[in-house]
N, C-alpha and C. Protein backbone atom coordinates (compact mmCIF):
# COMPACT_ATOMS: atom_id res chain seq x y z
N MET A 1 -28.16 -16.35 -6.13
CA MET A 1 -27.11 -16.14 -6.89
C MET A 1 -27.09 -15.08 -7.90
N GLN A 2 -27.97 -14.02 -8.05
CA GLN A 2 -28.10 -13.19 -8.67
C GLN A 2 -27.83 -11.94 -7.64
N THR A 3 -28.15 -12.02 -6.40
CA THR A 3 -27.77 -10.50 -5.68
C THR A 3 -26.77 -10.81 -4.86
N GLU A 4 -25.77 -12.33 -5.36
CA GLU A 4 -24.58 -12.22 -5.26
C GLU A 4 -23.40 -11.71 -6.10
N VAL A 5 -23.89 -11.75 -7.63
CA VAL A 5 -23.76 -10.74 -8.65
C VAL A 5 -23.76 -9.38 -8.41
N SER A 6 -24.86 -9.44 -8.16
CA SER A 6 -25.01 -7.10 -8.55
C SER A 6 -24.61 -6.72 -7.08
N SER A 7 -24.18 -7.88 -6.10
CA SER A 7 -23.89 -7.22 -5.31
C SER A 7 -21.87 -6.57 -5.55
N MET A 8 -21.79 -7.60 -5.97
CA MET A 8 -20.05 -7.52 -6.84
C MET A 8 -20.04 -6.52 -7.83
N LYS A 9 -21.07 -6.47 -8.68
CA LYS A 9 -20.92 -5.27 -9.40
C LYS A 9 -20.81 -4.00 -8.89
N SER A 10 -21.86 -4.12 -8.09
CA SER A 10 -22.03 -2.91 -7.13
C SER A 10 -20.56 -2.15 -6.31
N HIS A 11 -20.20 -2.62 -6.19
CA HIS A 11 -18.50 -3.11 -5.56
C HIS A 11 -17.72 -3.00 -5.95
N ASN A 12 -17.63 -3.58 -7.54
CA ASN A 12 -16.41 -3.07 -8.48
C ASN A 12 -16.41 -1.27 -8.32
N GLU A 13 -18.04 -1.46 -8.89
CA GLU A 13 -18.32 0.28 -9.63
C GLU A 13 -18.15 1.84 -8.49
N THR A 14 -17.82 1.50 -7.03
CA THR A 14 -17.20 2.10 -6.25
C THR A 14 -16.21 2.15 -5.72
N LYS A 15 -15.16 1.36 -6.46
CA LYS A 15 -13.66 1.13 -6.02
C LYS A 15 -13.21 2.79 -6.37
N ALA A 16 -12.38 2.84 -4.77
CA ALA A 16 -11.60 4.49 -4.61
C ALA A 16 -10.64 4.37 -6.31
N PRO A 17 -10.26 5.63 -6.46
CA PRO A 17 -9.39 6.55 -7.02
C PRO A 17 -7.63 5.40 -6.70
N TRP A 18 -7.12 5.63 -7.91
CA TRP A 18 -5.55 4.89 -7.61
C TRP A 18 -4.52 5.76 -7.01
N TRP A 19 -5.40 6.97 -6.92
CA TRP A 19 -4.46 8.12 -5.87
C TRP A 19 -5.10 8.30 -4.47
N LYS A 20 -6.34 7.87 -3.97
CA LYS A 20 -6.46 7.59 -2.83
C LYS A 20 -6.16 6.37 -2.15
N ARG A 21 -5.69 5.36 -3.19
CA ARG A 21 -5.09 3.89 -2.76
C ARG A 21 -4.13 4.13 -2.34
N ILE A 22 -3.37 4.54 -3.02
CA ILE A 22 -1.58 5.01 -2.96
C ILE A 22 -1.44 5.71 -1.69
N MET A 23 -2.40 7.26 -1.61
CA MET A 23 -2.31 7.83 -0.61
C MET A 23 -2.78 7.01 0.58
N TRP A 24 -3.02 5.93 1.16
CA TRP A 24 -3.90 4.90 2.32
C TRP A 24 -2.31 4.61 2.63
N LEU A 25 -1.71 3.71 1.33
CA LEU A 25 -0.16 3.04 1.66
C LEU A 25 0.63 3.79 2.22
N VAL A 26 0.71 4.72 1.46
CA VAL A 26 1.88 6.09 1.89
C VAL A 26 1.49 6.52 3.41
N ILE A 27 0.23 6.52 4.07
CA ILE A 27 -0.07 7.24 5.19
C ILE A 27 0.14 6.40 6.52
N ILE A 28 0.17 4.54 6.24
CA ILE A 28 0.32 3.89 6.89
C ILE A 28 1.49 2.78 6.98
N TYR A 29 1.88 3.23 5.50
CA TYR A 29 3.88 2.62 5.73
C TYR A 29 4.55 3.90 6.56
N GLY A 30 4.61 5.08 6.38
CA GLY A 30 4.76 6.22 7.18
C GLY A 30 4.75 5.82 8.53
N ALA A 31 3.24 5.44 8.92
CA ALA A 31 2.71 5.34 10.54
C ALA A 31 3.87 3.82 10.96
N SER A 32 4.00 3.66 10.15
CA SER A 32 4.12 2.42 10.90
C SER A 32 5.03 2.03 10.71
N VAL A 33 6.52 3.27 10.10
CA VAL A 33 8.28 3.73 10.09
C VAL A 33 8.09 4.63 11.67
N LEU A 34 6.48 5.19 11.53
CA LEU A 34 7.03 6.52 13.00
C LEU A 34 6.76 5.02 14.69
N ALA A 35 6.01 5.06 14.06
CA ALA A 35 5.76 3.77 15.44
C ALA A 35 7.14 2.68 15.92
N LEU A 36 7.60 2.60 14.48
CA LEU A 36 8.76 1.71 15.33
C LEU A 36 9.72 2.57 15.18
N GLY A 37 9.84 3.75 15.06
CA GLY A 37 11.14 5.03 15.66
C GLY A 37 10.49 5.18 17.07
N VAL A 38 9.64 5.30 17.88
CA VAL A 38 9.42 5.79 18.84
C VAL A 38 9.75 4.40 19.35
N VAL A 39 8.89 3.52 19.43
CA VAL A 39 9.53 2.19 19.98
C VAL A 39 11.04 1.78 20.62
N ALA A 40 11.51 1.79 18.77
CA ALA A 40 13.39 1.63 19.19
C ALA A 40 13.68 2.98 20.45
N SER A 41 13.22 4.56 19.96
CA SER A 41 13.25 4.93 21.15
C SER A 41 13.36 5.00 22.33
N LEU A 42 12.46 4.70 22.67
CA LEU A 42 11.59 4.30 24.34
C LEU A 42 12.79 2.83 24.54
N PHE A 43 12.83 2.01 23.70
CA PHE A 43 13.89 1.30 24.50
C PHE A 43 15.10 1.18 24.24
N ARG A 44 15.88 2.32 23.55
CA ARG A 44 17.30 2.80 23.83
C ARG A 44 17.29 4.01 24.93
N MET A 45 15.83 4.45 25.54
CA MET A 45 15.95 5.13 27.20
C MET A 45 16.10 4.13 27.78
N MET A 46 15.28 2.99 27.95
CA MET A 46 15.11 2.08 28.51
C MET A 46 16.65 1.92 29.54
N MET A 47 17.92 1.08 28.39
CA MET A 47 18.23 0.67 27.76
C MET A 47 20.11 1.36 28.97
N THR A 48 19.90 2.75 28.27
CA THR A 48 20.93 3.41 28.71
C THR A 48 20.01 4.80 30.47
N ALA A 49 19.14 3.94 30.84
CA ALA A 49 19.36 4.35 31.99
C ALA A 49 18.86 3.30 32.80
N ALA A 50 19.30 1.88 32.07
CA ALA A 50 19.66 0.71 33.34
C ALA A 50 21.22 0.82 32.68
N GLY A 51 22.36 1.29 32.72
CA GLY A 51 23.71 1.26 32.44
C GLY A 51 23.88 0.86 31.14
N MET A 52 23.60 0.58 30.11
CA MET A 52 23.59 0.53 29.08
C MET A 52 24.25 1.18 28.00
N ARG A 53 25.43 1.47 27.71
CA ARG A 53 26.10 1.65 26.94
C ARG A 53 26.24 2.00 25.86
N SER A 54 26.72 2.79 24.84
CA SER A 54 27.30 1.80 23.44
C SER A 54 29.11 2.32 23.70
N HIS A 55 29.96 2.65 24.44
CA HIS A 55 31.00 3.41 24.58
C HIS A 55 31.24 3.00 26.04
């Protein structure tokens, strides 16, 4: 039991600063939006190549 408590204390003491955690959140969000845009563009190109047009 003592080792669990001491490991939890050391884990809490080495927490990253809030701005680094927010930066990771922004990076992951931006990468996911970019990936979604790439996939949507690929689907649009495939649909255009198959003869599906919006007008």
